[in-house]
Each structure stands twice: as C-alpha cells, then as structure tokens.
C-alpha cells in the first residue's frame, strides 16, 4: 500500500512538472507587437544538437525574395539556394561566418554551401538590392525561428533565460541578447527592443566590394 502511494505521488509530481514546463516562447517588441523571424536559442541540459551532414537546409528565392528569409542551422550543416524565379540571381555574403558567392544562375542545379563557423550570415543578391536573407549558425544550441505570431515552439522544456536574435535588434543585424522570460498560461514571453532601420539606398553602394567586380 505504501509503495502504491509513493508511486502515485511520483506520478503526480511528474504530471505537475509536465504541465508547468514551458515549450512555447513568444517574442514581442517594445510596443508588445509580435516579432516574426526572430531566432530563439538555448543550450539544452539533456543533449546538444549536432549537425546532420545529410540534412541540407534550403533557402529558396521566390518573387525576388529569399524564402524563408531567416533560417537557423547547426555549425557544419549545408544550405542549398535554389532559384525558383524565372530570372537569374547572384547570391553572395561578405559575412565572416561564411563569405561566398553563387554567380548568376537559375533553377536548382547548384551545389549547397557548407557553414562551418557559428555566427550570423547576411546574404544578398548582387542584382536585386531588396533581397536580404539571414542564416543563424548555432554551435550546439537548440534553435527555432518565430512565426508571424512571434511564437517558437520546442520539443523540450525551455529554460528561464534564452538568447534572442533578430535583424532589427541592432543596425548591423549582428546583435544577440539574453532575455529572462516571463511565463503565463504555458507560454513564455521574451521582451526585446527593436531599432528603426534606415531605408535602403536607391542605388547600389557596394562599389569595389562587389563580388565578381
């Protein structure tokens, strides 16, 4: 009888823990608006994600935009950049995380790029200035990208403090901040302060730094 009561107590504690554990993080700005395309990251106590060399991430190009415009991958993972538009694109990055270029091309017959250093990769098109993409390269963090509602859902419990990256946290898009979460109703909220970005220049200003120039 005592053993049964003990097992029941353990089960009850386990159920309470599962109910209390938070798996969804909502990122909001200083005006309480949901923040789309933010990366929520933390280190897991149970295990550290490792890159699967066969798991190739995809950042497509549709209607002269990168799609999705933000992806989160692990260090050592490859990314493929198919071009689903009926025009050619010239994908490049000057970021120290992974400088590269894929010269004018169409279609999907292009080799994937290996991202072997952690950091933020900022991508552009050497033909279309309004095309900007970001790749968050993690070194063992658990990561998710928020949706239009500002939410990111994880398979495991989220700690009280997480790292948040978003392109508008800083002017150059490189800043990552640590945020203490506030929990209510099974959803944890991360409050961040975004900065106002200057409008893009009307003409290309890369000059001699342009790839292929």
C-alpha atoms as a PDB file:
ATOM      1  CA  UNK A   1       0.000   0.000   0.000  1.00  0.00           C
ATOM      2  CA  UNK A   2       2.813   2.388   0.934  1.00  0.00           C
ATOM      3  CA  UNK A   3       4.579   1.543  -2.312  1.00  0.00           C
ATOM      4  CA  UNK A   4       1.433   2.334  -4.321  1.00  0.00           C
ATOM      5  CA  UNK A   5       1.001   5.676  -2.564  1.00  0.00           C
ATOM      6  CA  UNK A   6       4.668   6.518  -3.198  1.00  0.00           C
ATOM      7  CA  UNK A   7       4.359   5.665  -6.911  1.00  0.00           C
ATOM      8  CA  UNK A   8       1.205   7.763  -7.167  1.00  0.00           C
ATOM      9  CA  UNK A   9       2.997  10.736  -5.580  1.00  0.00           C
ATOM     10  CA  UNK A  10       5.888  10.414  -8.016  1.00  0.00           C
ATOM     11  CA  UNK A  11       3.454  10.242 -10.933  1.00  0.00           C
ATOM     12  CA  UNK A  12       1.577  13.310  -9.652  1.00  0.00           C
ATOM     13  CA  UNK A  13       4.812  15.282  -9.357  1.00  0.00           C
ATOM     14  CA  UNK A  14       5.781  14.230 -12.887  1.00  0.00           C
ATOM     15  CA  UNK A  15       2.402  15.356 -14.267  1.00  0.00           C
ATOM     16  CA  UNK A  16       2.682  18.696 -12.444  1.00  0.00           C
ATOM     17  CA  UNK A  17       6.156  19.219 -13.892  1.00  0.00           C
ATOM     18  CA  UNK A  18       4.985  18.435 -17.417  1.00  0.00           C
ATOM     19  CA  UNK A  19       2.074  20.821 -17.077  1.00  0.00           C
ATOM     20  CA  UNK A  20       4.308  23.560 -15.685  1.00  0.00           C
ATOM     21  CA  UNK A  21       7.074  23.130 -18.250  1.00  0.00           C
ATOM     22  CA  UNK A  22       7.044  25.817 -20.915  1.00  0.00           C
ATOM     23  CA  UNK A  23       7.602  24.757 -24.530  1.00  0.00           C
ATOM     24  CA  UNK A  24       6.473  27.880 -26.400  1.00  0.00           C
ATOM     25  CA  UNK A  25       8.221  31.254 -26.419  1.00  0.00           C
ATOM     26  CA  UNK A  26       6.558  34.391 -27.750  1.00  0.00           C
ATOM     27  CA  UNK A  27       8.824  37.282 -28.726  1.00  0.00           C
ATOM     28  CA  UNK A  28       7.324  40.787 -28.569  1.00  0.00           C
ATOM     29  CA  UNK A  29       8.821  44.231 -29.155  1.00  0.00           C
ATOM     30  CA  UNK A  30       8.674  47.376 -27.019  1.00  0.00           C
ATOM     31  CA  UNK A  31       5.123  48.052 -28.264  1.00  0.00           C
ATOM     32  CA  UNK A  32       4.026  44.491 -27.460  1.00  0.00           C
ATOM     33  CA  UNK A  33       3.840  43.570 -31.151  1.00  0.00           C
ATOM     34  CA  UNK A  34       4.808  40.000 -32.125  1.00  0.00           C
ATOM     35  CA  UNK A  35       8.256  39.703 -33.663  1.00  0.00           C
ATOM     36  CA  UNK A  36       8.416  37.474 -36.728  1.00  0.00           C
ATOM     37  CA  UNK A  37      11.644  35.790 -37.884  1.00  0.00           C
ATOM     38  CA  UNK A  38      13.403  36.040 -34.535  1.00  0.00           C
ATOM     39  CA  UNK A  39      15.678  33.182 -33.524  1.00  0.00           C
ATOM     40  CA  UNK A  40      15.132  31.790 -30.023  1.00  0.00           C
ATOM     41  CA  UNK A  41      18.106  29.758 -28.780  1.00  0.00           C
ATOM     42  CA  UNK A  42      19.306  27.998 -25.652  1.00  0.00           C
ATOM     43  CA  UNK A  43      21.659  25.219 -24.612  1.00  0.00           C
ATOM     44  CA  UNK A  44      19.922  22.003 -23.608  1.00  0.00           C
ATOM     45  CA  UNK A  45      20.780  20.261 -20.341  1.00  0.00           C
ATOM     46  CA  UNK A  46      19.934  16.860 -21.793  1.00  0.00           C
ATOM     47  CA  UNK A  47      21.802  16.931 -25.105  1.00  0.00           C
ATOM     48  CA  UNK A  48      23.465  19.209 -27.614  1.00  0.00           C
ATOM     49  CA  UNK A  49      22.220  19.201 -31.212  1.00  0.00           C
ATOM     50  CA  UNK A  50      24.788  18.238 -33.792  1.00  0.00           C
ATOM     51  CA  UNK A  51      24.748  18.873 -37.493  1.00  0.00           C
ATOM     52  CA  UNK A  52      23.456  16.062 -39.672  1.00  0.00           C
ATOM     53  CA  UNK A  53      25.599  16.203 -42.793  1.00  0.00           C
ATOM     54  CA  UNK A  54      22.721  14.672 -44.782  1.00  0.00           C
ATOM     55  CA  UNK A  55      20.227  17.291 -43.554  1.00  0.00           C
ATOM     56  CA  UNK A  56      20.612  20.101 -46.080  1.00  0.00           C
ATOM     57  CA  UNK A  57      18.676  23.278 -45.236  1.00  0.00           C
ATOM     58  CA  UNK A  58      17.016  25.207 -48.051  1.00  0.00           C
ATOM     59  CA  UNK A  59      16.710  28.936 -48.625  1.00  0.00           C
ATOM     60  CA  UNK A  60      14.780  29.417 -51.872  1.00  0.00           C
ATOM     61  CA  UNK A  61      14.381  32.539 -53.997  1.00  0.00           C
ATOM     62  CA  UNK A  62      10.793  33.418 -54.871  1.00  0.00           C
ATOM     63  CA  UNK A  63       9.442  36.720 -56.231  1.00  0.00           C
ATOM     64  CA  UNK A  64      12.853  38.332 -55.810  1.00  0.00           C
ATOM     65  CA  UNK A  65      12.991  37.434 -52.109  1.00  0.00           C
ATOM     66  CA  UNK A  66      14.770  34.780 -50.055  1.00  0.00           C
ATOM     67  CA  UNK A  67      12.252  32.244 -48.769  1.00  0.00           C
ATOM     68  CA  UNK A  68      12.380  31.769 -45.883  1.00  0.00           C
ATOM     69  CA  UNK A  69      14.253  34.984 -45.192  1.00  0.00           C
ATOM     70  CA  UNK A  70      15.657  33.599 -41.913  1.00  0.00           C
ATOM     71  CA  UNK A  71      16.798  30.065 -41.142  1.00  0.00           C
ATOM     72  CA  UNK A  72      18.614  28.585 -38.140  1.00  0.00           C
ATOM     73  CA  UNK A  73      21.100  25.762 -38.682  1.00  0.00           C
ATOM     74  CA  UNK A  74      23.902  23.990 -36.829  1.00  0.00           C
ATOM     75  CA  UNK A  75      27.590  24.544 -37.448  1.00  0.00           C
ATOM     76  CA  UNK A  76      28.715  22.010 -40.042  1.00  0.00           C
ATOM     77  CA  UNK A  77      25.370  21.992 -41.846  1.00  0.00           C
ATOM     78  CA  UNK A  78      24.933  22.775 -45.546  1.00  0.00           C
ATOM     79  CA  UNK A  79      22.432  25.144 -47.142  1.00  0.00           C
ATOM     80  CA  UNK A  80      21.138  24.968 -50.690  1.00  0.00           C
ATOM     81  CA  UNK A  81      19.950  28.075 -52.551  1.00  0.00           C
ATOM     82  CA  UNK A  82      17.615  27.068 -55.387  1.00  0.00           C
ATOM     83  CA  UNK A  83      16.268  29.824 -57.620  1.00  0.00           C
ATOM     84  CA  UNK A  84      12.537  29.342 -58.238  1.00  0.00           C
ATOM     85  CA  UNK A  85      12.200  32.654 -60.090  1.00  0.00           C
ATOM     86  CA  UNK A  86      12.214  32.843 -63.871  1.00  0.00           C
ATOM     87  CA  UNK A  87      15.086  35.319 -63.716  1.00  0.00           C
ATOM     88  CA  UNK A  88      18.694  34.873 -62.652  1.00  0.00           C
ATOM     89  CA  UNK A  89      20.062  35.731 -59.212  1.00  0.00           C
ATOM     90  CA  UNK A  90      23.596  36.188 -57.890  1.00  0.00           C
ATOM     91  CA  UNK A  91      23.698  35.135 -54.230  1.00  0.00           C
ATOM     92  CA  UNK A  92      26.569  36.323 -52.050  1.00  0.00           C
ATOM     93  CA  UNK A  93      27.659  37.034 -48.487  1.00  0.00           C
ATOM     94  CA  UNK A  94      30.507  39.107 -47.066  1.00  0.00           C
ATOM     95  CA  UNK A  95      29.846  37.872 -43.522  1.00  0.00           C
ATOM     96  CA  UNK A  96      32.895  36.441 -41.675  1.00  0.00           C
ATOM     97  CA  UNK A  97      30.728  33.448 -40.742  1.00  0.00           C
ATOM     98  CA  UNK A  98      30.743  32.339 -44.386  1.00  0.00           C
ATOM     99  CA  UNK A  99      31.837  34.579 -47.272  1.00  0.00           C
ATOM    100  CA  UNK A 100      30.767  33.076 -50.590  1.00  0.00           C
ATOM    101  CA  UNK A 101      29.086  33.792 -53.888  1.00  0.00           C
ATOM    102  CA  UNK A 102      26.978  31.877 -56.386  1.00  0.00           C
ATOM    103  CA  UNK A 103      27.202  33.750 -59.674  1.00  0.00           C
ATOM    104  CA  UNK A 104      24.233  34.419 -61.945  1.00  0.00           C
ATOM    105  CA  UNK A 105      22.103  31.288 -62.195  1.00  0.00           C
ATOM    106  CA  UNK A 106      18.574  29.900 -62.482  1.00  0.00           C
ATOM    107  CA  UNK A 107      16.997  26.673 -61.268  1.00  0.00           C
ATOM    108  CA  UNK A 108      18.100  24.327 -58.501  1.00  0.00           C
ATOM    109  CA  UNK A 109      21.189  22.740 -60.037  1.00  0.00           C
ATOM    110  CA  UNK A 110      23.584  24.444 -57.619  1.00  0.00           C
ATOM    111  CA  UNK A 111      25.866  22.891 -55.009  1.00  0.00           C
ATOM    112  CA  UNK A 112      24.981  23.516 -51.337  1.00  0.00           C
ATOM    113  CA  UNK A 113      27.217  25.752 -49.214  1.00  0.00           C
ATOM    114  CA  UNK A 114      28.835  24.428 -46.030  1.00  0.00           C
ATOM    115  CA  UNK A 115      28.529  26.721 -42.995  1.00  0.00           C
ATOM    116  CA  UNK A 116      31.370  25.612 -40.726  1.00  0.00           C
ATOM    117  CA  UNK A 117      31.557  28.573 -38.314  1.00  0.00           C
ATOM    118  CA  UNK A 118      28.943  29.815 -35.832  1.00  0.00           C
ATOM    119  CA  UNK A 119      27.555  33.320 -36.239  1.00  0.00           C
ATOM    120  CA  UNK A 120      25.157  35.328 -38.366  1.00  0.00           C
ATOM    121  CA  UNK A 121      25.365  35.098 -42.136  1.00  0.00           C
ATOM    122  CA  UNK A 122      23.834  38.025 -44.011  1.00  0.00           C
ATOM    123  CA  UNK A 123      23.019  37.279 -47.653  1.00  0.00           C
ATOM    124  CA  UNK A 124      22.158  39.446 -50.618  1.00  0.00           C
ATOM    125  CA  UNK A 125      21.711  39.337 -54.358  1.00  0.00           C
ATOM    126  CA  UNK A 126      24.225  41.190 -56.491  1.00  0.00           C
ATOM    127  CA  UNK A 127      21.409  42.094 -58.892  1.00  0.00           C
ATOM    128  CA  UNK A 128      18.454  42.878 -56.612  1.00  0.00           C
ATOM    129  CA  UNK A 129      19.209  45.158 -53.665  1.00  0.00           C
ATOM    130  CA  UNK A 130      15.954  44.402 -51.859  1.00  0.00           C
ATOM    131  CA  UNK A 131      16.854  40.722 -51.431  1.00  0.00           C
ATOM    132  CA  UNK A 132      18.249  40.134 -47.939  1.00  0.00           C
ATOM    133  CA  UNK A 133      18.461  36.838 -46.070  1.00  0.00           C
ATOM    134  CA  UNK A 134      19.903  35.799 -42.709  1.00  0.00           C
ATOM    135  CA  UNK A 135      21.321  32.482 -41.550  1.00  0.00           C
ATOM    136  CA  UNK A 136      21.811  31.874 -37.832  1.00  0.00           C
ATOM    137  CA  UNK A 137      24.566  29.293 -37.441  1.00  0.00           C
ATOM    138  CA  UNK A 138      24.472  27.707 -33.983  1.00  0.00           C
ATOM    139  CA  UNK A 139      27.249  25.917 -32.145  1.00  0.00           C
ATOM    140  CA  UNK A 140      25.135  23.327 -30.328  1.00  0.00           C
ATOM    141  CA  UNK A 141      22.177  25.467 -29.270  1.00  0.00           C
ATOM    142  CA  UNK A 142      18.572  24.357 -29.613  1.00  0.00           C
ATOM    143  CA  UNK A 143      17.031  26.870 -32.009  1.00  0.00           C
ATOM    144  CA  UNK A 144      13.688  27.830 -33.524  1.00  0.00           C
ATOM    145  CA  UNK A 145      12.553  30.744 -35.697  1.00  0.00           C
ATOM    146  CA  UNK A 146       9.404  32.595 -34.637  1.00  0.00           C
ATOM    147  CA  UNK A 147       6.311  32.635 -36.846  1.00  0.00           C
ATOM    148  CA  UNK A 148       4.042  35.564 -37.767  1.00  0.00           C
ATOM    149  CA  UNK A 149       2.552  35.439 -34.248  1.00  0.00           C
ATOM    150  CA  UNK A 150       6.023  35.784 -32.770  1.00  0.00           C
ATOM    151  CA  UNK A 151       5.959  32.241 -31.407  1.00  0.00           C
ATOM    152  CA  UNK A 152       8.545  29.467 -31.401  1.00  0.00           C
ATOM    153  CA  UNK A 153       7.646  26.006 -30.072  1.00  0.00           C
ATOM    154  CA  UNK A 154      10.206  23.489 -28.808  1.00  0.00           C
ATOM    155  CA  UNK A 155      10.123  19.742 -28.195  1.00  0.00           C
ATOM    156  CA  UNK A 156      11.668  20.187 -24.764  1.00  0.00           C
ATOM    157  CA  UNK A 157      11.164  22.479 -21.802  1.00  0.00           C
ATOM    158  CA  UNK A 158      12.543  25.981 -22.257  1.00  0.00           C
ATOM    159  CA  UNK A 159      14.793  27.451 -19.538  1.00  0.00           C
ATOM    160  CA  UNK A 160      14.034  30.728 -17.805  1.00  0.00           C
ATOM    161  CA  UNK A 161      16.628  32.603 -19.849  1.00  0.00           C
ATOM    162  CA  UNK A 162      17.142  32.313 -23.606  1.00  0.00           C
ATOM    163  CA  UNK A 163      19.103  34.059 -26.344  1.00  0.00           C
ATOM    164  CA  UNK A 164      17.202  36.089 -28.931  1.00  0.00           C
ATOM    165  CA  UNK A 165      18.492  37.226 -32.303  1.00  0.00           C
ATOM    166  CA  UNK A 166      16.638  39.436 -34.775  1.00  0.00           C
ATOM    167  CA  UNK A 167      17.936  41.580 -37.599  1.00  0.00           C
ATOM    168  CA  UNK A 168      16.398  44.709 -36.046  1.00  0.00           C
ATOM    169  CA  UNK A 169      17.980  44.315 -32.619  1.00  0.00           C
ATOM    170  CA  UNK A 170      20.883  46.343 -33.997  1.00  0.00           C
ATOM    171  CA  UNK A 171      21.693  48.447 -37.029  1.00  0.00           C
ATOM    172  CA  UNK A 172      24.099  45.879 -38.479  1.00  0.00           C
ATOM    173  CA  UNK A 173      21.923  42.869 -37.615  1.00  0.00           C
ATOM    174  CA  UNK A 174      24.626  41.117 -35.588  1.00  0.00           C
ATOM    175  CA  UNK A 175      23.343  41.581 -32.012  1.00  0.00           C
ATOM    176  CA  UNK A 176      22.101  38.646 -29.926  1.00  0.00           C
ATOM    177  CA  UNK A 177      20.618  39.360 -26.490  1.00  0.00           C
ATOM    178  CA  UNK A 178      19.953  37.221 -23.419  1.00  0.00           C
ATOM    179  CA  UNK A 179      16.401  37.593 -22.136  1.00  0.00           C
ATOM    180  CA  UNK A 180      14.702  36.448 -18.937  1.00  0.00           C
ATOM    181  CA  UNK A 181      11.311  35.008 -19.825  1.00  0.00           C
ATOM    182  CA  UNK A 182       8.024  35.839 -18.135  1.00  0.00           C
ATOM    183  CA  UNK A 183       5.618  32.890 -18.047  1.00  0.00           C
ATOM    184  CA  UNK A 184       1.831  32.910 -18.117  1.00  0.00           C
ATOM    185  CA  UNK A 185      -0.605  30.210 -19.186  1.00  0.00           C
ATOM    186  CA  UNK A 186       2.035  27.854 -20.558  1.00  0.00           C
ATOM    187  CA  UNK A 187       3.609  30.445 -22.849  1.00  0.00           C
ATOM    188  CA  UNK A 188       6.771  32.337 -22.000  1.00  0.00           C
ATOM    189  CA  UNK A 189       7.218  35.871 -23.301  1.00  0.00           C
ATOM    190  CA  UNK A 190      10.517  37.420 -24.321  1.00  0.00           C
ATOM    191  CA  UNK A 191      10.513  41.222 -24.485  1.00  0.00           C
ATOM    192  CA  UNK A 192      13.008  42.833 -26.840  1.00  0.00           C
ATOM    193  CA  UNK A 193      13.631  46.348 -28.082  1.00  0.00           C
ATOM    194  CA  UNK A 194      13.953  46.757 -31.831  1.00  0.00           C
ATOM    195  CA  UNK A 195      15.698  49.653 -33.553  1.00  0.00           C
ATOM    196  CA  UNK A 196      14.465  51.641 -36.536  1.00  0.00           C
ATOM    197  CA  UNK A 197      16.308  50.731 -39.691  1.00  0.00           C
ATOM    198  CA  UNK A 198      17.244  53.321 -42.297  1.00  0.00           C
ATOM    199  CA  UNK A 199      15.551  52.866 -45.690  1.00  0.00           C
ATOM    200  CA  UNK A 200      17.666  51.020 -48.268  1.00  0.00           C
ATOM    201  CA  UNK A 201      19.691  53.181 -50.670  1.00  0.00           C
ATOM    202  CA  UNK A 202      18.143  53.881 -54.046  1.00  0.00           C
ATOM    203  CA  UNK A 203      21.337  52.820 -55.784  1.00  0.00           C
ATOM    204  CA  UNK A 204      23.827  50.061 -55.070  1.00  0.00           C
ATOM    205  CA  UNK A 205      26.688  51.207 -52.835  1.00  0.00           C
ATOM    206  CA  UNK A 206      28.886  48.094 -52.683  1.00  0.00           C
ATOM    207  CA  UNK A 207      31.343  49.587 -55.171  1.00  0.00           C
ATOM    208  CA  UNK A 208      34.637  47.748 -55.336  1.00  0.00           C
ATOM    209  CA  UNK A 209      33.480  45.290 -52.653  1.00  0.00           C
ATOM    210  CA  UNK A 210      31.060  43.640 -55.052  1.00  0.00           C
ATOM    211  CA  UNK A 211      31.734  40.010 -55.757  1.00  0.00           C
ATOM    212  CA  UNK A 212      32.660  39.336 -59.350  1.00  0.00           C
ATOM    213  CA  UNK A 213      33.555  43.001 -59.937  1.00  0.00           C
END
